[in-house]
Amino acid sequence: MSNGQTEKGLQTLAKLHSHGNTQDAWVVAEFESIQDAVTYEKEHEAKSYAELFTNKSSFRRLFIAVALQASVQMTGVSVIQYYSVEIFAQIGISGDDTLKYQAISSLIALLAQFLCLMFIDKFGRRWPLILGNIGNALCFIVATVLLAKFPPNAEDPSKSNKGAGWGFIVVGCWLYNFTFSSTCGPLSWIIPAEIFDTRTRSKGVSIATMVSFAFNTMIGQTTSVAIDAIGWRWYIVFIVCNFTNALFFWAILPETAGRPLEEMNYLFTNAPLFVPGTAAGSRKGFATGELEARVEEVERKGSITIHQEETQRI
């Protein structure tokens, strides 16, 4: 709609919310609300990155988006993705098999991401992210214990404990990939894209993305050195980070599911900083009540139109 394709925007809203009925009162009210928001935001578009830091509401959203992208890298996903093949080799798994097991891990990740897309609107954003971090931490605990108690023998992989190796593959790679890819991975891109308004989204998401790649580079560059120096103890960092991620987002991330984009300004301006109990929005009601008023107005106009048509027939 911001590109002038208003008719397509209306049809898309209708497909999402009313089985294609473009006359649905809620769809019409939402359409009008978005049009008003797009018009306003084009007239007041952010001219520079400075506004993200000077506007309280924008800065709060930027802080959450940046923290989220940094936290995702500190879940340890890059360690598992970059170095699992080396660990497979150390526990006696041959080159061809390492690629096969890594391929299975990638397929599990795709399945998990699909499930996330299917169910994320039902379960919201907050709790999948919180529980996903807790799940990641539990997987890392198991993997760390296995590596500590049954360290792989790099010099003679045939002497490595096969059971521990398979435990690492199943829990430390496959199960971890499922918990991460069904929650934290997709949500790290979904949440930043939906919390910013139209005028600040491109700039806000660009900063969050920069932070993501900065932390990704840091983990990629330090992991091999850390594993050589302290071995399995390096994984404790990610256990701690996953638990602190869960606590952090439980405390500061408001629920954004079920809220239209134009409602985000109100949410991040008026919601308290400590938000452990926020619930998802719903089609029946939002924080400001503006959308409900629009729906009622559309329904009232519709009733008047029907009444006038019936009067003319009589």
C-alpha atoms as a PDB file:
ATOM      1  CA  MET A   1       0.000   0.000   0.000  1.00  0.00           C
ATOM      2  CA  SER A   2       2.914   2.341   0.648  1.00  0.00           C
ATOM      3  CA  ASN A   3       3.869   1.812  -3.032  1.00  0.00           C
ATOM      4  CA  GLY A   4       0.466   2.920  -4.293  1.00  0.00           C
ATOM      5  CA  GLN A   5      -1.000  -0.567  -4.813  1.00  0.00           C
ATOM      6  CA  THR A   6      -3.992   0.056  -2.580  1.00  0.00           C
ATOM      7  CA  GLU A   7      -6.343  -2.355  -4.370  1.00  0.00           C
ATOM      8  CA  LYS A   8      -3.893  -5.240  -3.952  1.00  0.00           C
ATOM      9  CA  GLY A   9      -3.471  -4.248  -0.328  1.00  0.00           C
ATOM     10  CA  LEU A  10      -7.221  -4.425   0.249  1.00  0.00           C
ATOM     11  CA  GLN A  11      -7.464  -7.806  -1.466  1.00  0.00           C
ATOM     12  CA  THR A  12      -4.584  -9.155   0.615  1.00  0.00           C
ATOM     13  CA  LEU A  13      -6.234  -7.997   3.848  1.00  0.00           C
ATOM     14  CA  ALA A  14      -9.468  -9.640   2.750  1.00  0.00           C
ATOM     15  CA  LYS A  15      -7.720 -12.929   1.986  1.00  0.00           C
ATOM     16  CA  LEU A  16      -6.000 -12.899   5.375  1.00  0.00           C
ATOM     17  CA  HIS A  17      -8.989 -11.963   7.519  1.00  0.00           C
ATOM     18  CA  SER A  18     -12.304 -12.527   5.737  1.00  0.00           C
ATOM     19  CA  HIS A  19     -11.885 -15.250   3.093  1.00  0.00           C
ATOM     20  CA  GLY A  20     -11.616 -12.655   0.338  1.00  0.00           C
ATOM     21  CA  ASN A  21     -14.574 -10.501   1.348  1.00  0.00           C
ATOM     22  CA  THR A  22     -13.401  -6.943   0.706  1.00  0.00           C
ATOM     23  CA  GLN A  23     -16.640  -5.543   2.195  1.00  0.00           C
ATOM     24  CA  ASP A  24     -16.007  -7.077   5.626  1.00  0.00           C
ATOM     25  CA  ALA A  25     -16.290  -4.331   8.261  1.00  0.00           C
ATOM     26  CA  TRP A  26     -13.045  -5.271  10.013  1.00  0.00           C
ATOM     27  CA  VAL A  27     -11.137  -5.421   6.718  1.00  0.00           C
ATOM     28  CA  VAL A  28     -12.451  -2.026   5.600  1.00  0.00           C
ATOM     29  CA  ALA A  29     -11.623  -0.475   8.988  1.00  0.00           C
ATOM     30  CA  GLU A  30      -8.117  -1.969   8.954  1.00  0.00           C
ATOM     31  CA  PHE A  31      -7.608  -0.830   5.358  1.00  0.00           C
ATOM     32  CA  GLU A  32      -8.584   2.746   6.203  1.00  0.00           C
ATOM     33  CA  SER A  33      -6.375   2.704   9.301  1.00  0.00           C
ATOM     34  CA  ILE A  34      -3.360   1.530   7.299  1.00  0.00           C
ATOM     35  CA  GLN A  35      -3.986   4.134   4.621  1.00  0.00           C
ATOM     36  CA  ASP A  36      -4.044   6.875   7.244  1.00  0.00           C
ATOM     37  CA  ALA A  37      -0.860   5.536   8.829  1.00  0.00           C
ATOM     38  CA  VAL A  38       0.967   5.276   5.489  1.00  0.00           C
ATOM     39  CA  THR A  39      -0.032   8.825   4.547  1.00  0.00           C
ATOM     40  CA  TYR A  40       1.104  10.202   7.888  1.00  0.00           C
ATOM     41  CA  GLU A  41       4.387   8.301   7.869  1.00  0.00           C
ATOM     42  CA  LYS A  42       5.245   9.388   4.335  1.00  0.00           C
ATOM     43  CA  GLU A  43       4.678  12.990   5.363  1.00  0.00           C
ATOM     44  CA  HIS A  44       6.806  12.530   8.495  1.00  0.00           C
ATOM     45  CA  GLU A  45       9.361  10.021   7.191  1.00  0.00           C
ATOM     46  CA  ALA A  46      12.581   9.737   9.192  1.00  0.00           C
ATOM     47  CA  LYS A  47      15.254  11.773   7.426  1.00  0.00           C
ATOM     48  CA  SER A  48      18.219  10.234   9.231  1.00  0.00           C
ATOM     49  CA  TYR A  49      19.287   7.507  11.631  1.00  0.00           C
ATOM     50  CA  ALA A  50      19.417  10.103  14.393  1.00  0.00           C
ATOM     51  CA  GLU A  51      15.651   9.895  14.915  1.00  0.00           C
ATOM     52  CA  LEU A  52      16.014   6.300  16.065  1.00  0.00           C
ATOM     53  CA  PHE A  53      18.068   7.593  18.975  1.00  0.00           C
ATOM     54  CA  THR A  54      16.230  10.824  19.756  1.00  0.00           C
ATOM     55  CA  ASN A  55      12.643   9.550  19.664  1.00  0.00           C
ATOM     56  CA  LYS A  56      11.785   7.578  22.806  1.00  0.00           C
ATOM     57  CA  SER A  57       9.408   5.151  21.106  1.00  0.00           C
ATOM     58  CA  SER A  58      11.785   4.529  18.187  1.00  0.00           C
ATOM     59  CA  PHE A  59      14.778   4.024  20.472  1.00  0.00           C
ATOM     60  CA  ARG A  60      12.897   1.483  22.566  1.00  0.00           C
ATOM     61  CA  ARG A  61      12.111  -0.510  19.432  1.00  0.00           C
ATOM     62  CA  LEU A  62      15.684  -0.191  18.198  1.00  0.00           C
ATOM     63  CA  PHE A  63      16.997  -1.424  21.548  1.00  0.00           C
ATOM     64  CA  ILE A  64      14.751  -4.505  21.424  1.00  0.00           C
ATOM     65  CA  ALA A  65      15.630  -5.280  17.790  1.00  0.00           C
ATOM     66  CA  VAL A  66      19.386  -4.915  18.378  1.00  0.00           C
ATOM     67  CA  ALA A  67      19.249  -6.927  21.609  1.00  0.00           C
ATOM     68  CA  LEU A  68      17.283  -9.658  19.851  1.00  0.00           C
ATOM     69  CA  GLN A  69      19.735  -9.991  16.980  1.00  0.00           C
ATOM     70  CA  ALA A  70      22.712 -10.033  19.344  1.00  0.00           C
ATOM     71  CA  SER A  71      21.020 -12.575  21.622  1.00  0.00           C
ATOM     72  CA  VAL A  72      20.354 -14.939  18.738  1.00  0.00           C
ATOM     73  CA  GLN A  73      24.038 -15.136  17.920  1.00  0.00           C
ATOM     74  CA  MET A  74      24.778 -15.746  21.599  1.00  0.00           C
ATOM     75  CA  THR A  75      22.500 -18.807  21.595  1.00  0.00           C
ATOM     76  CA  GLY A  76      25.474 -20.656  20.101  1.00  0.00           C
ATOM     77  CA  VAL A  77      23.841 -21.401  16.763  1.00  0.00           C
ATOM     78  CA  SER A  78      26.955 -20.385  14.842  1.00  0.00           C
ATOM     79  CA  VAL A  79      29.089 -22.731  16.931  1.00  0.00           C
ATOM     80  CA  ILE A  80      26.841 -25.683  16.102  1.00  0.00           C
ATOM     81  CA  GLN A  81      26.572 -24.780  12.433  1.00  0.00           C
ATOM     82  CA  TYR A  82      30.231 -23.952  11.864  1.00  0.00           C
ATOM     83  CA  TYR A  83      32.021 -26.534  14.018  1.00  0.00           C
ATOM     84  CA  SER A  84      29.757 -29.580  14.323  1.00  0.00           C
ATOM     85  CA  VAL A  85      31.462 -31.252  11.352  1.00  0.00           C
ATOM     86  CA  GLU A  86      34.844 -30.961  13.087  1.00  0.00           C
ATOM     87  CA  ILE A  87      33.380 -32.503  16.248  1.00  0.00           C
ATOM     88  CA  PHE A  88      31.831 -35.302  14.168  1.00  0.00           C
ATOM     89  CA  ALA A  89      35.278 -36.077  12.783  1.00  0.00           C
ATOM     90  CA  GLN A  90      36.808 -36.112  16.272  1.00  0.00           C
ATOM     91  CA  ILE A  91      34.296 -38.698  17.496  1.00  0.00           C
ATOM     92  CA  GLY A  92      35.126 -41.045  14.642  1.00  0.00           C
ATOM     93  CA  ILE A  93      32.495 -40.220  12.029  1.00  0.00           C
ATOM     94  CA  SER A  94      33.880 -40.292   8.477  1.00  0.00           C
ATOM     95  CA  GLY A  95      33.803 -37.398   6.038  1.00  0.00           C
ATOM     96  CA  ASP A  96      30.855 -38.615   3.963  1.00  0.00           C
ATOM     97  CA  ASP A  97      28.783 -39.355   7.060  1.00  0.00           C
ATOM     98  CA  THR A  98      29.468 -35.926   8.554  1.00  0.00           C
ATOM     99  CA  LEU A  99      27.936 -34.324   5.469  1.00  0.00           C
ATOM    100  CA  LYS A 100      24.964 -36.682   5.679  1.00  0.00           C
ATOM    101  CA  TYR A 101      24.305 -35.862   9.319  1.00  0.00           C
ATOM    102  CA  GLN A 102      24.720 -32.162   8.634  1.00  0.00           C
ATOM    103  CA  ALA A 103      22.198 -32.454   5.791  1.00  0.00           C
ATOM    104  CA  ILE A 104      19.733 -34.110   8.178  1.00  0.00           C
ATOM    105  CA  SER A 105      20.281 -31.217  10.560  1.00  0.00           C
ATOM    106  CA  SER A 106      19.486 -28.728   7.780  1.00  0.00           C
ATOM    107  CA  LEU A 107      16.284 -30.591   6.861  1.00  0.00           C
ATOM    108  CA  ILE A 108      15.215 -30.527  10.523  1.00  0.00           C
ATOM    109  CA  ALA A 109      15.816 -26.780  10.551  1.00  0.00           C
ATOM    110  CA  LEU A 110      13.631 -26.290   7.458  1.00  0.00           C
ATOM    111  CA  LEU A 111      10.816 -28.316   9.028  1.00  0.00           C
ATOM    112  CA  ALA A 112      11.086 -26.318  12.254  1.00  0.00           C
ATOM    113  CA  GLN A 113      10.979 -23.007  10.375  1.00  0.00           C
ATOM    114  CA  PHE A 114       7.871 -24.140   8.502  1.00  0.00           C
ATOM    115  CA  LEU A 115       6.177 -25.036  11.795  1.00  0.00           C
ATOM    116  CA  CYS A 116       7.101 -21.628  13.162  1.00  0.00           C
ATOM    117  CA  LEU A 117       5.440 -19.884  10.225  1.00  0.00           C
ATOM    118  CA  MET A 118       2.331 -22.048  10.614  1.00  0.00           C
ATOM    119  CA  PHE A 119       1.804 -21.545  14.345  1.00  0.00           C
ATOM    120  CA  ILE A 120       3.550 -18.320  15.341  1.00  0.00           C
ATOM    121  CA  ASP A 121       0.387 -16.193  15.152  1.00  0.00           C
ATOM    122  CA  LYS A 122      -1.431 -18.671  17.365  1.00  0.00           C
ATOM    123  CA  PHE A 123       1.211 -18.817  20.089  1.00  0.00           C
ATOM    124  CA  GLY A 124       2.504 -15.245  19.839  1.00  0.00           C
ATOM    125  CA  ARG A 125       6.070 -13.962  19.917  1.00  0.00           C
ATOM    126  CA  ARG A 126       7.093 -13.669  23.562  1.00  0.00           C
ATOM    127  CA  TRP A 127       6.693 -17.197  24.862  1.00  0.00           C
ATOM    128  CA  PRO A 128       8.041 -19.060  21.816  1.00  0.00           C
ATOM    129  CA  LEU A 129      11.145 -16.844  22.041  1.00  0.00           C
ATOM    130  CA  ILE A 130      11.485 -17.354  25.802  1.00  0.00           C
ATOM    131  CA  LEU A 131      10.888 -21.113  25.707  1.00  0.00           C
ATOM    132  CA  GLY A 132      13.105 -21.454  22.631  1.00  0.00           C
ATOM    133  CA  ASN A 133      16.047 -19.969  24.519  1.00  0.00           C
ATOM    134  CA  ILE A 134      15.387 -22.293  27.447  1.00  0.00           C
ATOM    135  CA  GLY A 135      15.259 -25.258  25.053  1.00  0.00           C
ATOM    136  CA  ASN A 136      18.545 -24.157  23.484  1.00  0.00           C
ATOM    137  CA  ALA A 137      20.148 -23.960  26.929  1.00  0.00           C
ATOM    138  CA  LEU A 138      18.999 -27.473  27.865  1.00  0.00           C
ATOM    139  CA  CYS A 139      20.406 -28.886  24.616  1.00  0.00           C
ATOM    140  CA  PHE A 140      23.725 -27.152  25.278  1.00  0.00           C
ATOM    141  CA  ILE A 141      23.790 -28.530  28.818  1.00  0.00           C
ATOM    142  CA  VAL A 142      23.491 -32.093  27.497  1.00  0.00           C
ATOM    143  CA  ALA A 143      26.074 -31.492  24.769  1.00  0.00           C
ATOM    144  CA  THR A 144      28.496 -29.871  27.234  1.00  0.00           C
ATOM    145  CA  VAL A 145      28.189 -32.721  29.732  1.00  0.00           C
ATOM    146  CA  LEU A 146      28.820 -35.291  26.989  1.00  0.00           C
ATOM    147  CA  LEU A 147      31.896 -33.434  25.717  1.00  0.00           C
ATOM    148  CA  ALA A 148      33.207 -32.966  29.275  1.00  0.00           C
ATOM    149  CA  LYS A 149      32.684 -36.575  30.429  1.00  0.00           C
ATOM    150  CA  PHE A 150      33.534 -38.243  27.124  1.00  0.00           C
ATOM    151  CA  PRO A 151      35.888 -35.881  25.284  1.00  0.00           C
ATOM    152  CA  PRO A 152      36.449 -36.773  21.615  1.00  0.00           C
ATOM    153  CA  ASN A 153      39.855 -38.203  20.800  1.00  0.00           C
ATOM    154  CA  ALA A 154      41.175 -36.063  17.969  1.00  0.00           C
ATOM    155  CA  GLU A 155      44.364 -38.134  17.588  1.00  0.00           C
ATOM    156  CA  ASP A 156      42.571 -41.490  17.414  1.00  0.00           C
ATOM    157  CA  PRO A 157      38.830 -40.987  16.718  1.00  0.00           C
ATOM    158  CA  SER A 158      38.228 -44.760  16.922  1.00  0.00           C
ATOM    159  CA  LYS A 159      38.781 -44.518  20.693  1.00  0.00           C
ATOM    160  CA  SER A 160      36.077 -41.869  21.121  1.00  0.00           C
ATOM    161  CA  ASN A 161      32.888 -42.919  22.912  1.00  0.00           C
ATOM    162  CA  LYS A 162      30.355 -43.696  20.173  1.00  0.00           C
ATOM    163  CA  GLY A 163      27.317 -43.410  22.448  1.00  0.00           C
ATOM    164  CA  ALA A 164      28.394 -39.977  23.615  1.00  0.00           C
ATOM    165  CA  GLY A 165      29.050 -39.013  20.017  1.00  0.00           C
ATOM    166  CA  TRP A 166      25.544 -39.990  18.976  1.00  0.00           C
ATOM    167  CA  GLY A 167      24.165 -38.170  21.999  1.00  0.00           C
ATOM    168  CA  PHE A 168      25.913 -35.031  20.824  1.00  0.00           C
ATOM    169  CA  ILE A 169      24.585 -35.455  17.288  1.00  0.00           C
ATOM    170  CA  VAL A 170      20.971 -36.069  18.323  1.00  0.00           C
ATOM    171  CA  VAL A 171      20.694 -33.556  21.173  1.00  0.00           C
ATOM    172  CA  GLY A 172      23.491 -31.064  20.522  1.00  0.00           C
ATOM    173  CA  CYS A 173      22.824 -30.757  16.785  1.00  0.00           C
ATOM    174  CA  TRP A 174      19.467 -32.125  15.654  1.00  0.00           C
ATOM    175  CA  LEU A 175      17.305 -31.284  18.676  1.00  0.00           C
ATOM    176  CA  TYR A 176      19.084 -27.963  19.167  1.00  0.00           C
ATOM    177  CA  ASN A 177      18.525 -27.077  15.510  1.00  0.00           C
ATOM    178  CA  PHE A 178      14.826 -27.846  15.919  1.00  0.00           C
ATOM    179  CA  THR A 179      14.366 -25.695  19.028  1.00  0.00           C
ATOM    180  CA  PHE A 180      16.357 -22.817  17.543  1.00  0.00           C
ATOM    181  CA  SER A 181      14.830 -22.898  14.071  1.00  0.00           C
ATOM    182  CA  SER A 182      11.257 -23.181  15.326  1.00  0.00           C
ATOM    183  CA  THR A 183      11.597 -20.172  17.643  1.00  0.00           C
ATOM    184  CA  CYS A 184      14.623 -17.887  17.961  1.00  0.00           C
ATOM    185  CA  GLY A 185      15.846 -18.071  14.372  1.00  0.00           C
ATOM    186  CA  PRO A 186      12.706 -16.932  12.517  1.00  0.00           C
ATOM    187  CA  LEU A 187      11.574 -14.624  15.331  1.00  0.00           C
ATOM    188  CA  SER A 188      14.842 -12.697  15.190  1.00  0.00           C
ATOM    189  CA  TRP A 189      13.713 -11.444  11.767  1.00  0.00           C
ATOM    190  CA  ILE A 190       9.939 -11.377  12.296  1.00  0.00           C
ATOM    191  CA  ILE A 191       9.952  -9.179  15.399  1.00  0.00           C
ATOM    192  CA  PRO A 192      12.257  -6.378  14.130  1.00  0.00           C
ATOM    193  CA  ALA A 193      10.289  -6.157  10.873  1.00  0.00           C
ATOM    194  CA  GLU A 194       6.954  -5.744  12.648  1.00  0.00           C
ATOM    195  CA  ILE A 195       7.783  -3.492  15.597  1.00  0.00           C
ATOM    196  CA  PHE A 196       9.072  -0.541  13.548  1.00  0.00           C
ATOM    197  CA  ASP A 197       6.659   1.779  11.784  1.00  0.00           C
ATOM    198  CA  THR A 198       6.907   2.472   8.052  1.00  0.00           C
ATOM    199  CA  ARG A 199       9.046   5.585   8.377  1.00  0.00           C
ATOM    200  CA  THR A 200      11.756   3.982  10.546  1.00  0.00           C
ATOM    201  CA  ARG A 201      11.614   0.324   9.543  1.00  0.00           C
ATOM    202  CA  SER A 202      14.341   0.262   6.903  1.00  0.00           C
ATOM    203  CA  LYS A 203      16.788   2.157   9.096  1.00  0.00           C
ATOM    204  CA  GLY A 204      15.956   0.243  12.270  1.00  0.00           C
ATOM    205  CA  VAL A 205      16.164  -3.182  10.642  1.00  0.00           C
ATOM    206  CA  SER A 206      19.447  -2.252   8.928  1.00  0.00           C
ATOM    207  CA  ILE A 207      21.073  -1.446  12.284  1.00  0.00           C
ATOM    208  CA  ALA A 208      19.724  -4.673  13.824  1.00  0.00           C
ATOM    209  CA  THR A 209      21.051  -6.676  10.862  1.00  0.00           C
ATOM    210  CA  MET A 210      24.464  -5.049  11.185  1.00  0.00           C
ATOM    211  CA  VAL A 211      24.582  -6.087  14.849  1.00  0.00           C
ATOM    212  CA  SER A 212      23.595  -9.637  13.910  1.00  0.00           C
ATOM    213  CA  PHE A 213      26.471 -10.007  11.453  1.00  0.00           C
ATOM    214  CA  ALA A 214      28.895  -8.312  13.854  1.00  0.00           C
ATOM    215  CA  PHE A 215      28.119 -10.840  16.589  1.00  0.00           C
ATOM    216  CA  ASN A 216      28.127 -13.677  14.056  1.00  0.00           C
ATOM    217  CA  THR A 217      31.620 -12.667  12.964  1.00  0.00           C
ATOM    218  CA  MET A 218      32.787 -12.411  16.565  1.00  0.00           C
ATOM    219  CA  ILE A 219      31.544 -15.927  17.409  1.00  0.00           C
ATOM    220  CA  GLY A 220      33.003 -17.352  14.198  1.00  0.00           C
ATOM    221  CA  GLN A 221      36.416 -15.826  14.862  1.00  0.00           C
ATOM    222  CA  THR A 222      36.673 -16.708  18.555  1.00  0.00           C
ATOM    223  CA  THR A 223      35.184 -20.204  18.717  1.00  0.00           C
ATOM    224  CA  SER A 224      38.070 -22.172  17.201  1.00  0.00           C
ATOM    225  CA  VAL A 225      40.559 -20.361  19.452  1.00  0.00           C
ATOM    226  CA  ALA A 226      38.366 -20.863  22.527  1.00  0.00           C
ATOM    227  CA  ILE A 227      37.785 -24.571  21.861  1.00  0.00           C
ATOM    228  CA  ASP A 228      41.534 -25.135  21.485  1.00  0.00           C
ATOM    229  CA  ALA A 229      42.221 -23.200  24.700  1.00  0.00           C
ATOM    230  CA  ILE A 230      39.408 -24.249  27.069  1.00  0.00           C
ATOM    231  CA  GLY A 231      37.569 -27.028  25.220  1.00  0.00           C
ATOM    232  CA  TRP A 232      34.045 -27.879  26.394  1.00  0.00           C
ATOM    233  CA  ARG A 233      34.045 -24.947  28.860  1.00  0.00           C
ATOM    234  CA  TRP A 234      33.421 -22.607  25.920  1.00  0.00           C
ATOM    235  CA  TYR A 235      29.895 -24.049  25.664  1.00  0.00           C
ATOM    236  CA  ILE A 236      29.079 -22.830  29.178  1.00  0.00           C
ATOM    237  CA  VAL A 237      29.048 -19.298  27.756  1.00  0.00           C
ATOM    238  CA  PHE A 238      26.094 -20.212  25.552  1.00  0.00           C
ATOM    239  CA  ILE A 239      24.250 -22.036  28.329  1.00  0.00           C
ATOM    240  CA  VAL A 240      24.391 -18.880  30.429  1.00  0.00           C
ATOM    241  CA  CYS A 241      23.481 -16.636  27.495  1.00  0.00           C
ATOM    242  CA  ASN A 242      20.432 -18.705  26.564  1.00  0.00           C
ATOM    243  CA  PHE A 243      19.064 -18.551  30.105  1.00  0.00           C
ATOM    244  CA  THR A 244      19.747 -14.814  30.400  1.00  0.00           C
ATOM    245  CA  ASN A 245      18.156 -14.270  26.971  1.00  0.00           C
ATOM    246  CA  ALA A 246      14.979 -15.949  28.201  1.00  0.00           C
ATOM    247  CA  LEU A 247      14.894 -13.834  31.371  1.00  0.00           C
ATOM    248  CA  PHE A 248      15.677 -10.628  29.475  1.00  0.00           C
ATOM    249  CA  PHE A 249      12.896 -11.006  26.905  1.00  0.00           C
ATOM    250  CA  TRP A 250      10.429 -12.153  29.555  1.00  0.00           C
ATOM    251  CA  ALA A 251      11.041  -8.823  31.265  1.00  0.00           C
ATOM    252  CA  ILE A 252      11.244  -6.310  28.390  1.00  0.00           C
ATOM    253  CA  LEU A 253       9.605  -7.688  25.221  1.00  0.00           C
ATOM    254  CA  PRO A 254       5.896  -6.800  24.886  1.00  0.00           C
ATOM    255  CA  GLU A 255       3.683  -9.190  22.963  1.00  0.00           C
ATOM    256  CA  THR A 256       3.195  -7.910  19.409  1.00  0.00           C
ATOM    257  CA  ALA A 257       1.174 -10.776  17.928  1.00  0.00           C
ATOM    258  CA  GLY A 258      -2.278  -9.828  16.700  1.00  0.00           C
ATOM    259  CA  ARG A 259      -1.479  -6.133  16.591  1.00  0.00           C
ATOM    260  CA  PRO A 260      -1.535  -4.260  13.266  1.00  0.00           C
ATOM    261  CA  LEU A 261       1.568  -2.311  12.351  1.00  0.00           C
ATOM    262  CA  GLU A 262      -0.097   1.041  12.873  1.00  0.00           C
ATOM    263  CA  GLU A 263      -0.766   0.130  16.540  1.00  0.00           C
ATOM    264  CA  MET A 264       2.930  -0.314  17.336  1.00  0.00           C
ATOM    265  CA  ASN A 265       3.465   3.389  17.991  1.00  0.00           C
ATOM    266  CA  TYR A 266       0.917   3.309  20.784  1.00  0.00           C
ATOM    267  CA  LEU A 267       2.264   0.035  22.191  1.00  0.00           C
ATOM    268  CA  PHE A 268       5.897   1.147  22.415  1.00  0.00           C
ATOM    269  CA  THR A 269       5.021   4.618  23.603  1.00  0.00           C
ATOM    270  CA  ASN A 270       2.611   3.644  26.377  1.00  0.00           C
ATOM    271  CA  ALA A 271       3.484   0.089  27.431  1.00  0.00           C
ATOM    272  CA  PRO A 272       5.618  -0.064  30.608  1.00  0.00           C
ATOM    273  CA  LEU A 273       9.289  -0.969  30.263  1.00  0.00           C
ATOM    274  CA  PHE A 274       8.785  -4.041  32.468  1.00  0.00           C
ATOM    275  CA  VAL A 275       6.232  -6.204  30.631  1.00  0.00           C
ATOM    276  CA  PRO A 276       6.204  -9.754  32.032  1.00  0.00           C
ATOM    277  CA  GLY A 277       2.444 -10.128  31.654  1.00  0.00           C
ATOM    278  CA  THR A 278       1.521  -8.630  28.276  1.00  0.00           C
ATOM    279  CA  ALA A 279      -0.833 -10.673  26.132  1.00  0.00           C
ATOM    280  CA  ALA A 280      -1.332 -10.817  22.404  1.00  0.00           C
ATOM    281  CA  GLY A 281      -3.742  -8.477  20.692  1.00  0.00           C
ATOM    282  CA  SER A 282      -6.788  -9.881  18.998  1.00  0.00           C
ATOM    283  CA  ARG A 283      -9.188  -9.115  16.229  1.00  0.00           C
ATOM    284  CA  LYS A 284     -11.744  -8.127  18.865  1.00  0.00           C
ATOM    285  CA  GLY A 285      -9.681  -5.394  20.512  1.00  0.00           C
ATOM    286  CA  PHE A 286      -6.458  -3.384  20.591  1.00  0.00           C
ATOM    287  CA  ALA A 287      -4.811  -1.026  23.002  1.00  0.00           C
ATOM    288  CA  THR A 288      -6.181   2.245  21.671  1.00  0.00           C
ATOM    289  CA  GLY A 289      -9.711   1.229  20.722  1.00  0.00           C
ATOM    290  CA  GLU A 290      -9.292   3.193  17.483  1.00  0.00           C
ATOM    291  CA  LEU A 291      -9.768   0.163  15.270  1.00  0.00           C
ATOM    292  CA  GLU A 292     -12.947  -0.895  17.067  1.00  0.00           C
ATOM    293  CA  ALA A 293     -14.354   2.593  16.532  1.00  0.00           C
ATOM    294  CA  ARG A 294     -13.568   2.327  12.827  1.00  0.00           C
ATOM    295  CA  VAL A 295     -15.261  -1.080  12.617  1.00  0.00           C
ATOM    296  CA  GLU A 296     -18.356   0.264  14.328  1.00  0.00           C
ATOM    297  CA  GLU A 297     -18.404   3.234  11.957  1.00  0.00           C
ATOM    298  CA  VAL A 298     -18.106   0.980   8.898  1.00  0.00           C
ATOM    299  CA  GLU A 299     -20.859  -1.300  10.186  1.00  0.00           C
ATOM    300  CA  ARG A 300     -23.077   1.703  10.922  1.00  0.00           C
ATOM    301  CA  LYS A 301     -22.550   3.085   7.424  1.00  0.00           C
ATOM    302  CA  GLY A 302     -23.269  -0.350   5.997  1.00  0.00           C
ATOM    303  CA  SER A 303     -26.536  -0.570   7.939  1.00  0.00           C
ATOM    304  CA  ILE A 304     -27.550   2.897   6.728  1.00  0.00           C
ATOM    305  CA  THR A 305     -26.785   1.941   3.110  1.00  0.00           C
ATOM    306  CA  ILE A 306     -28.832  -1.258   3.365  1.00  0.00           C
ATOM    307  CA  HIS A 307     -31.711   0.623   4.969  1.00  0.00           C
ATOM    308  CA  GLN A 308     -31.650   3.248   2.193  1.00  0.00           C
ATOM    309  CA  GLU A 309     -31.643   0.560  -0.501  1.00  0.00           C
ATOM    310  CA  GLU A 310     -34.606  -1.205   1.112  1.00  0.00           C
ATOM    311  CA  THR A 311     -36.482   2.135   1.402  1.00  0.00           C
ATOM    312  CA  GLN A 312     -35.936   2.867  -2.288  1.00  0.00           C
ATOM    313  CA  ARG A 313     -37.307  -0.552  -3.251  1.00  0.00           C
ATOM    314  CA  ILE A 314     -40.445   0.081  -1.196  1.00  0.00           C
END
